[in-house]
């Protein structure tokens, strides 16, 4: 059986722009994530952010891997800070579901792939902190990390650090990426190492310091949206699904 990959979703309120009336609140997971997992050979399962820890405990048993998707800012209370004026919208229900879900996934040593917010969430869950707003908190020389170009279009380069597993996956020392974030890693969590940085020094990718112990990879860019323009972005999904398959085989043999 192919491995089952849980994909975290968000909540979105839609409004009828013509009638100017609310249409309701919806669970949303971009199709690019789902197609990325399916193309890599996994079975994608979208996880609605409801029910908090109780739901997280119920769904974790059926997963072979976890993909943490992008989206809203994480409540800075999870890393011991008060909200800065530049903090973007947060979704309490999403935070309350994803934090225990991620803690359980780490405990069960599920392969975890974090994209954008997902990478930041992984860092916080392991004890790290974030810049709540790079433009105002990083200082001079920071790149424009929140672009307005189509999501498949690269806007800057990141340099893969020597010896990083990311370089093995992508088969490149320099990667052209898109960029749609205003937050970033400040204090790196123990157990993680930075595997790529942009020219301004912002951490653009992280991975487990010991990948033989557990498979953890996070990227700050939206790899799911770039697979058509750059097939090597799909290699990230393939590596994650392969790790989930190995995890499933070990669990079946236990």
C-alpha atoms as a PDB file:
ATOM      1  CA  UNK A   1       0.000   0.000   0.000  1.00  0.00           C
ATOM      2  CA  UNK A   2       1.282   3.513  -0.777  1.00  0.00           C
ATOM      3  CA  UNK A   3       1.972   5.680   2.277  1.00  0.00           C
ATOM      4  CA  UNK A   4      -0.750   7.963   3.606  1.00  0.00           C
ATOM      5  CA  UNK A   5       0.361  11.582   3.894  1.00  0.00           C
ATOM      6  CA  UNK A   6      -1.649  13.968   6.043  1.00  0.00           C
ATOM      7  CA  UNK A   7      -1.784  17.527   4.674  1.00  0.00           C
ATOM      8  CA  UNK A   8      -2.740  20.289   7.076  1.00  0.00           C
ATOM      9  CA  UNK A   9      -5.476  22.642   5.904  1.00  0.00           C
ATOM     10  CA  UNK A  10      -6.600  26.110   6.890  1.00  0.00           C
ATOM     11  CA  UNK A  11      -9.933  27.861   7.423  1.00  0.00           C
ATOM     12  CA  UNK A  12     -11.090  30.555   5.037  1.00  0.00           C
ATOM     13  CA  UNK A  13     -14.082  32.863   5.023  1.00  0.00           C
ATOM     14  CA  UNK A  14     -15.465  33.518   1.531  1.00  0.00           C
ATOM     15  CA  UNK A  15     -17.595  36.479   0.543  1.00  0.00           C
ATOM     16  CA  UNK A  16     -19.817  36.900  -2.503  1.00  0.00           C
ATOM     17  CA  UNK A  17     -18.128  39.902  -4.147  1.00  0.00           C
ATOM     18  CA  UNK A  18     -21.244  40.786  -6.152  1.00  0.00           C
ATOM     19  CA  UNK A  19     -23.885  40.504  -3.444  1.00  0.00           C
ATOM     20  CA  UNK A  20     -21.361  41.484  -0.743  1.00  0.00           C
ATOM     21  CA  UNK A  21     -22.593  38.822   1.636  1.00  0.00           C
ATOM     22  CA  UNK A  22     -20.687  36.072   3.471  1.00  0.00           C
ATOM     23  CA  UNK A  23     -20.821  32.651   1.842  1.00  0.00           C
ATOM     24  CA  UNK A  24     -19.536  30.777   4.875  1.00  0.00           C
ATOM     25  CA  UNK A  25     -16.354  29.381   6.325  1.00  0.00           C
ATOM     26  CA  UNK A  26     -14.518  26.680   4.432  1.00  0.00           C
ATOM     27  CA  UNK A  27     -11.699  24.195   4.939  1.00  0.00           C
ATOM     28  CA  UNK A  28      -8.991  24.892   2.376  1.00  0.00           C
ATOM     29  CA  UNK A  29      -5.905  23.036   1.205  1.00  0.00           C
ATOM     30  CA  UNK A  30      -4.352  24.203  -2.066  1.00  0.00           C
ATOM     31  CA  UNK A  31      -4.611  21.533  -4.755  1.00  0.00           C
ATOM     32  CA  UNK A  32      -0.879  21.920  -5.455  1.00  0.00           C
ATOM     33  CA  UNK A  33      -0.081  20.176  -2.150  1.00  0.00           C
ATOM     34  CA  UNK A  34      -2.448  17.323  -2.893  1.00  0.00           C
ATOM     35  CA  UNK A  35      -1.140  16.863  -6.428  1.00  0.00           C
ATOM     36  CA  UNK A  36       2.466  17.056  -5.221  1.00  0.00           C
ATOM     37  CA  UNK A  37       1.915  14.167  -2.813  1.00  0.00           C
ATOM     38  CA  UNK A  38      -0.067  12.114  -5.340  1.00  0.00           C
ATOM     39  CA  UNK A  39       2.509  12.617  -8.104  1.00  0.00           C
ATOM     40  CA  UNK A  40       5.210  11.389  -5.722  1.00  0.00           C
ATOM     41  CA  UNK A  41       3.280   8.169  -5.076  1.00  0.00           C
ATOM     42  CA  UNK A  42       1.622   8.993  -1.767  1.00  0.00           C
ATOM     43  CA  UNK A  43      -2.040   9.013  -0.791  1.00  0.00           C
ATOM     44  CA  UNK A  44      -2.950  12.591   0.231  1.00  0.00           C
ATOM     45  CA  UNK A  45      -5.407  13.085   3.089  1.00  0.00           C
ATOM     46  CA  UNK A  46      -6.479  16.650   3.947  1.00  0.00           C
ATOM     47  CA  UNK A  47      -6.687  17.329   7.695  1.00  0.00           C
ATOM     48  CA  UNK A  48      -9.250  19.994   8.717  1.00  0.00           C
ATOM     49  CA  UNK A  49      -8.091  22.142  11.653  1.00  0.00           C
ATOM     50  CA  UNK A  50     -10.876  21.254  14.070  1.00  0.00           C
ATOM     51  CA  UNK A  51     -11.091  19.424  17.352  1.00  0.00           C
ATOM     52  CA  UNK A  52      -7.690  20.378  18.749  1.00  0.00           C
ATOM     53  CA  UNK A  53      -5.670  17.695  20.494  1.00  0.00           C
ATOM     54  CA  UNK A  54      -8.531  15.177  20.595  1.00  0.00           C
ATOM     55  CA  UNK A  55      -8.754  15.118  16.797  1.00  0.00           C
ATOM     56  CA  UNK A  56      -4.963  15.116  16.428  1.00  0.00           C
ATOM     57  CA  UNK A  57      -4.682  11.998  18.582  1.00  0.00           C
ATOM     58  CA  UNK A  58      -7.344  10.247  16.512  1.00  0.00           C
ATOM     59  CA  UNK A  59      -5.889  10.969  13.071  1.00  0.00           C
ATOM     60  CA  UNK A  60      -2.178  10.487  13.791  1.00  0.00           C
ATOM     61  CA  UNK A  61      -2.544   6.686  13.968  1.00  0.00           C
ATOM     62  CA  UNK A  62      -3.606   6.522  10.334  1.00  0.00           C
ATOM     63  CA  UNK A  63      -0.710   8.553   8.903  1.00  0.00           C
ATOM     64  CA  UNK A  64       2.657   7.488   7.514  1.00  0.00           C
ATOM     65  CA  UNK A  65       3.887  11.066   6.962  1.00  0.00           C
ATOM     66  CA  UNK A  66       2.857  14.655   7.650  1.00  0.00           C
ATOM     67  CA  UNK A  67       3.002  17.672   5.325  1.00  0.00           C
ATOM     68  CA  UNK A  68       2.661  21.003   7.117  1.00  0.00           C
ATOM     69  CA  UNK A  69       1.272  23.494   4.613  1.00  0.00           C
ATOM     70  CA  UNK A  70       1.659  27.266   4.382  1.00  0.00           C
ATOM     71  CA  UNK A  71      -0.755  29.956   5.455  1.00  0.00           C
ATOM     72  CA  UNK A  72      -1.491  32.256   8.385  1.00  0.00           C
ATOM     73  CA  UNK A  73       0.973  33.488  10.997  1.00  0.00           C
ATOM     74  CA  UNK A  74       1.492  31.378  14.099  1.00  0.00           C
ATOM     75  CA  UNK A  75       0.362  32.944  17.387  1.00  0.00           C
ATOM     76  CA  UNK A  76       3.631  34.211  18.926  1.00  0.00           C
ATOM     77  CA  UNK A  77       2.438  33.048  22.339  1.00  0.00           C
ATOM     78  CA  UNK A  78       3.612  29.583  21.283  1.00  0.00           C
ATOM     79  CA  UNK A  79       7.182  30.869  21.428  1.00  0.00           C
ATOM     80  CA  UNK A  80       6.774  33.161  24.412  1.00  0.00           C
ATOM     81  CA  UNK A  81       6.258  36.548  22.750  1.00  0.00           C
ATOM     82  CA  UNK A  82       3.536  39.173  22.647  1.00  0.00           C
ATOM     83  CA  UNK A  83       2.148  40.071  19.205  1.00  0.00           C
ATOM     84  CA  UNK A  84       4.131  42.717  17.321  1.00  0.00           C
ATOM     85  CA  UNK A  85       2.181  45.426  15.468  1.00  0.00           C
ATOM     86  CA  UNK A  86       3.248  43.905  12.144  1.00  0.00           C
ATOM     87  CA  UNK A  87       1.952  40.407  12.979  1.00  0.00           C
ATOM     88  CA  UNK A  88      -0.411  39.120  10.299  1.00  0.00           C
ATOM     89  CA  UNK A  89      -3.728  37.306  10.823  1.00  0.00           C
ATOM     90  CA  UNK A  90      -3.682  34.190  12.996  1.00  0.00           C
ATOM     91  CA  UNK A  91      -6.201  31.341  13.092  1.00  0.00           C
ATOM     92  CA  UNK A  92      -6.509  30.030  16.666  1.00  0.00           C
ATOM     93  CA  UNK A  93      -8.288  26.819  15.637  1.00  0.00           C
ATOM     94  CA  UNK A  94      -5.494  25.967  13.225  1.00  0.00           C
ATOM     95  CA  UNK A  95      -2.760  26.575  15.785  1.00  0.00           C
ATOM     96  CA  UNK A  96      -4.657  24.573  18.419  1.00  0.00           C
ATOM     97  CA  UNK A  97      -4.885  21.586  16.057  1.00  0.00           C
ATOM     98  CA  UNK A  98      -1.495  21.677  14.366  1.00  0.00           C
ATOM     99  CA  UNK A  99       0.680  22.115  17.449  1.00  0.00           C
ATOM    100  CA  UNK A 100      -0.486  18.891  19.172  1.00  0.00           C
ATOM    101  CA  UNK A 101      -0.624  17.107  15.820  1.00  0.00           C
ATOM    102  CA  UNK A 102       2.999  17.997  15.174  1.00  0.00           C
ATOM    103  CA  UNK A 103       4.027  17.016  18.710  1.00  0.00           C
ATOM    104  CA  UNK A 104       2.449  13.590  18.177  1.00  0.00           C
ATOM    105  CA  UNK A 105       4.058  13.223  14.749  1.00  0.00           C
ATOM    106  CA  UNK A 106       7.453  13.980  16.302  1.00  0.00           C
ATOM    107  CA  UNK A 107       6.822  11.485  19.099  1.00  0.00           C
ATOM    108  CA  UNK A 108       5.908   8.766  16.579  1.00  0.00           C
ATOM    109  CA  UNK A 109       8.871   9.755  14.379  1.00  0.00           C
ATOM    110  CA  UNK A 110       6.712  10.326  11.306  1.00  0.00           C
ATOM    111  CA  UNK A 111       8.566  11.875   8.348  1.00  0.00           C
ATOM    112  CA  UNK A 112       7.608  15.568   8.393  1.00  0.00           C
ATOM    113  CA  UNK A 113       7.832  18.015   5.502  1.00  0.00           C
ATOM    114  CA  UNK A 114       7.137  21.680   6.308  1.00  0.00           C
ATOM    115  CA  UNK A 115       6.445  24.333   3.677  1.00  0.00           C
ATOM    116  CA  UNK A 116       6.572  28.076   4.503  1.00  0.00           C
ATOM    117  CA  UNK A 117       4.461  28.360   7.695  1.00  0.00           C
ATOM    118  CA  UNK A 118       5.050  24.631   8.063  1.00  0.00           C
ATOM    119  CA  UNK A 119       8.807  25.128   8.367  1.00  0.00           C
ATOM    120  CA  UNK A 120       8.273  27.877  10.944  1.00  0.00           C
ATOM    121  CA  UNK A 121       5.830  25.697  12.893  1.00  0.00           C
ATOM    122  CA  UNK A 122       8.361  22.860  12.967  1.00  0.00           C
ATOM    123  CA  UNK A 123      11.023  25.186  14.363  1.00  0.00           C
ATOM    124  CA  UNK A 124       8.709  26.493  17.099  1.00  0.00           C
ATOM    125  CA  UNK A 125       7.465  23.019  18.054  1.00  0.00           C
ATOM    126  CA  UNK A 126      11.067  21.960  18.651  1.00  0.00           C
ATOM    127  CA  UNK A 127      11.808  24.992  20.821  1.00  0.00           C
ATOM    128  CA  UNK A 128      12.833  27.726  18.371  1.00  0.00           C
ATOM    129  CA  UNK A 129      11.479  31.233  17.798  1.00  0.00           C
ATOM    130  CA  UNK A 130      10.474  33.413  14.853  1.00  0.00           C
ATOM    131  CA  UNK A 131      10.887  36.914  13.544  1.00  0.00           C
ATOM    132  CA  UNK A 132       7.271  38.063  13.587  1.00  0.00           C
ATOM    133  CA  UNK A 133       8.011  40.421  10.685  1.00  0.00           C
ATOM    134  CA  UNK A 134      11.263  40.330   8.745  1.00  0.00           C
ATOM    135  CA  UNK A 135      11.018  43.817   7.166  1.00  0.00           C
ATOM    136  CA  UNK A 136      10.745  45.527  10.559  1.00  0.00           C
ATOM    137  CA  UNK A 137      12.806  43.165  12.736  1.00  0.00           C
ATOM    138  CA  UNK A 138      15.639  41.807  10.562  1.00  0.00           C
ATOM    139  CA  UNK A 139      17.281  45.131   9.854  1.00  0.00           C
ATOM    140  CA  UNK A 140      18.930  46.621   6.783  1.00  0.00           C
ATOM    141  CA  UNK A 141      19.572  44.551   3.703  1.00  0.00           C
ATOM    142  CA  UNK A 142      16.655  42.163   3.989  1.00  0.00           C
ATOM    143  CA  UNK A 143      15.261  40.972   0.664  1.00  0.00           C
ATOM    144  CA  UNK A 144      11.632  41.391  -0.316  1.00  0.00           C
ATOM    145  CA  UNK A 145      10.396  37.979   0.778  1.00  0.00           C
ATOM    146  CA  UNK A 146       6.697  38.621   0.187  1.00  0.00           C
ATOM    147  CA  UNK A 147       6.372  38.836  -3.588  1.00  0.00           C
ATOM    148  CA  UNK A 148       3.363  39.539  -5.793  1.00  0.00           C
ATOM    149  CA  UNK A 149       4.392  37.412  -8.772  1.00  0.00           C
ATOM    150  CA  UNK A 150       2.676  34.165  -9.879  1.00  0.00           C
ATOM    151  CA  UNK A 151       3.457  31.348  -7.435  1.00  0.00           C
ATOM    152  CA  UNK A 152       5.285  29.256 -10.036  1.00  0.00           C
ATOM    153  CA  UNK A 153       7.744  32.074 -10.794  1.00  0.00           C
ATOM    154  CA  UNK A 154      11.091  32.226  -8.926  1.00  0.00           C
ATOM    155  CA  UNK A 155      11.998  35.602  -7.431  1.00  0.00           C
ATOM    156  CA  UNK A 156      15.352  35.014  -5.733  1.00  0.00           C
ATOM    157  CA  UNK A 157      18.017  32.374  -5.161  1.00  0.00           C
ATOM    158  CA  UNK A 158      18.971  30.389  -2.076  1.00  0.00           C
ATOM    159  CA  UNK A 159      22.347  28.798  -1.461  1.00  0.00           C
ATOM    160  CA  UNK A 160      22.411  25.213  -0.230  1.00  0.00           C
ATOM    161  CA  UNK A 161      24.958  24.819   2.555  1.00  0.00           C
ATOM    162  CA  UNK A 162      27.720  22.271   2.156  1.00  0.00           C
ATOM    163  CA  UNK A 163      26.850  18.709   3.115  1.00  0.00           C
ATOM    164  CA  UNK A 164      23.119  19.388   3.446  1.00  0.00           C
ATOM    165  CA  UNK A 165      20.660  16.603   2.638  1.00  0.00           C
ATOM    166  CA  UNK A 166      18.674  19.243   0.732  1.00  0.00           C
ATOM    167  CA  UNK A 167      21.473  19.403  -1.834  1.00  0.00           C
ATOM    168  CA  UNK A 168      21.219  15.654  -2.314  1.00  0.00           C
ATOM    169  CA  UNK A 169      17.474  15.892  -2.877  1.00  0.00           C
ATOM    170  CA  UNK A 170      17.626  18.831  -5.269  1.00  0.00           C
ATOM    171  CA  UNK A 171      20.995  17.956  -6.858  1.00  0.00           C
ATOM    172  CA  UNK A 172      21.894  21.665  -6.791  1.00  0.00           C
ATOM    173  CA  UNK A 173      24.023  24.098  -4.826  1.00  0.00           C
ATOM    174  CA  UNK A 174      21.843  27.090  -5.774  1.00  0.00           C
ATOM    175  CA  UNK A 175      18.060  26.923  -6.028  1.00  0.00           C
ATOM    176  CA  UNK A 176      15.750  29.505  -7.588  1.00  0.00           C
ATOM    177  CA  UNK A 177      12.663  29.890  -5.413  1.00  0.00           C
ATOM    178  CA  UNK A 178       9.457  31.842  -5.046  1.00  0.00           C
ATOM    179  CA  UNK A 179       8.845  33.835  -1.870  1.00  0.00           C
ATOM    180  CA  UNK A 180       5.576  34.621  -0.072  1.00  0.00           C
ATOM    181  CA  UNK A 181       6.364  35.134   3.606  1.00  0.00           C
ATOM    182  CA  UNK A 182       7.087  37.964   6.017  1.00  0.00           C
ATOM    183  CA  UNK A 183       8.187  35.823   8.968  1.00  0.00           C
ATOM    184  CA  UNK A 184      11.277  33.674   9.403  1.00  0.00           C
ATOM    185  CA  UNK A 185      13.369  31.669  11.821  1.00  0.00           C
ATOM    186  CA  UNK A 186      15.071  33.707  14.556  1.00  0.00           C
ATOM    187  CA  UNK A 187      16.391  31.205  17.120  1.00  0.00           C
ATOM    188  CA  UNK A 188      16.958  27.814  15.514  1.00  0.00           C
ATOM    189  CA  UNK A 189      15.514  24.861  17.420  1.00  0.00           C
ATOM    190  CA  UNK A 190      17.752  22.181  18.810  1.00  0.00           C
ATOM    191  CA  UNK A 191      17.811  19.129  16.574  1.00  0.00           C
ATOM    192  CA  UNK A 192      17.538  21.206  13.403  1.00  0.00           C
ATOM    193  CA  UNK A 193      20.265  22.581  11.138  1.00  0.00           C
ATOM    194  CA  UNK A 194      19.930  25.274   8.487  1.00  0.00           C
ATOM    195  CA  UNK A 195      20.413  23.743   5.048  1.00  0.00           C
ATOM    196  CA  UNK A 196      19.931  26.836   2.832  1.00  0.00           C
ATOM    197  CA  UNK A 197      19.990  30.621   3.152  1.00  0.00           C
ATOM    198  CA  UNK A 198      19.071  33.542   0.924  1.00  0.00           C
ATOM    199  CA  UNK A 199      21.586  36.290   0.135  1.00  0.00           C
ATOM    200  CA  UNK A 200      20.445  38.370   3.143  1.00  0.00           C
ATOM    201  CA  UNK A 201      21.120  35.472   5.531  1.00  0.00           C
ATOM    202  CA  UNK A 202      17.506  34.446   6.180  1.00  0.00           C
ATOM    203  CA  UNK A 203      17.137  30.697   6.791  1.00  0.00           C
ATOM    204  CA  UNK A 204      15.366  29.268   3.736  1.00  0.00           C
ATOM    205  CA  UNK A 205      15.503  25.552   4.568  1.00  0.00           C
ATOM    206  CA  UNK A 206      16.093  23.341   7.592  1.00  0.00           C
ATOM    207  CA  UNK A 207      16.518  19.632   8.185  1.00  0.00           C
ATOM    208  CA  UNK A 208      17.068  17.241  11.055  1.00  0.00           C
ATOM    209  CA  UNK A 209      20.590  17.272  12.392  1.00  0.00           C
ATOM    210  CA  UNK A 210      20.451  13.469  12.454  1.00  0.00           C
ATOM    211  CA  UNK A 211      18.319  12.182   9.586  1.00  0.00           C
ATOM    212  CA  UNK A 212      18.969   8.600  10.619  1.00  0.00           C
ATOM    213  CA  UNK A 213      17.027   9.367  13.797  1.00  0.00           C
ATOM    214  CA  UNK A 214      14.048  11.072  12.106  1.00  0.00           C
ATOM    215  CA  UNK A 215      13.205  12.597   8.709  1.00  0.00           C
ATOM    216  CA  UNK A 216      12.506  16.324   9.048  1.00  0.00           C
ATOM    217  CA  UNK A 217      12.768  18.779   6.161  1.00  0.00           C
ATOM    218  CA  UNK A 218      11.396  22.314   5.917  1.00  0.00           C
ATOM    219  CA  UNK A 219      11.574  24.869   3.126  1.00  0.00           C
ATOM    220  CA  UNK A 220      10.516  28.502   3.291  1.00  0.00           C
ATOM    221  CA  UNK A 221       9.428  28.663  -0.349  1.00  0.00           C
ATOM    222  CA  UNK A 222       6.305  27.130  -1.913  1.00  0.00           C
ATOM    223  CA  UNK A 223       7.758  24.088  -3.656  1.00  0.00           C
ATOM    224  CA  UNK A 224       4.274  22.718  -4.355  1.00  0.00           C
ATOM    225  CA  UNK A 225       3.532  25.619  -6.727  1.00  0.00           C
ATOM    226  CA  UNK A 226       6.839  25.359  -8.625  1.00  0.00           C
ATOM    227  CA  UNK A 227       6.749  21.704  -9.681  1.00  0.00           C
ATOM    228  CA  UNK A 228       5.547  22.515 -13.201  1.00  0.00           C
ATOM    229  CA  UNK A 229       8.194  25.156 -13.832  1.00  0.00           C
ATOM    230  CA  UNK A 230      11.003  23.288 -12.045  1.00  0.00           C
ATOM    231  CA  UNK A 231      10.659  19.473 -11.855  1.00  0.00           C
ATOM    232  CA  UNK A 232      13.373  19.289  -9.162  1.00  0.00           C
ATOM    233  CA  UNK A 233      10.898  20.873  -6.734  1.00  0.00           C
ATOM    234  CA  UNK A 234       8.911  17.656  -7.040  1.00  0.00           C
ATOM    235  CA  UNK A 235      11.926  15.771  -5.718  1.00  0.00           C
ATOM    236  CA  UNK A 236      11.145  17.194  -2.276  1.00  0.00           C
ATOM    237  CA  UNK A 237       7.770  15.453  -2.333  1.00  0.00           C
ATOM    238  CA  UNK A 238       9.342  12.256  -3.642  1.00  0.00           C
ATOM    239  CA  UNK A 239      11.894  12.208  -0.828  1.00  0.00           C
ATOM    240  CA  UNK A 240       9.147  12.760   1.745  1.00  0.00           C
ATOM    241  CA  UNK A 241       6.911  10.032   0.342  1.00  0.00           C
ATOM    242  CA  UNK A 242       9.856   7.608   0.178  1.00  0.00           C
ATOM    243  CA  UNK A 243      10.651   8.302   3.830  1.00  0.00           C
ATOM    244  CA  UNK A 244       6.973   7.766   4.734  1.00  0.00           C
ATOM    245  CA  UNK A 245       6.978   4.463   2.852  1.00  0.00           C
ATOM    246  CA  UNK A 246      10.006   3.269   4.839  1.00  0.00           C
ATOM    247  CA  UNK A 247       8.285   4.346   8.050  1.00  0.00           C
ATOM    248  CA  UNK A 248       5.141   2.416   7.104  1.00  0.00           C
ATOM    249  CA  UNK A 249       7.181  -0.724   6.352  1.00  0.00           C
ATOM    250  CA  UNK A 250       8.967  -0.539   9.714  1.00  0.00           C
ATOM    251  CA  UNK A 251       5.667  -0.068  11.515  1.00  0.00           C
ATOM    252  CA  UNK A 252       4.123  -3.057   9.709  1.00  0.00           C
ATOM    253  CA  UNK A 253       7.098  -5.232  10.586  1.00  0.00           C
ATOM    254  CA  UNK A 254       7.066  -4.271  14.285  1.00  0.00           C
END
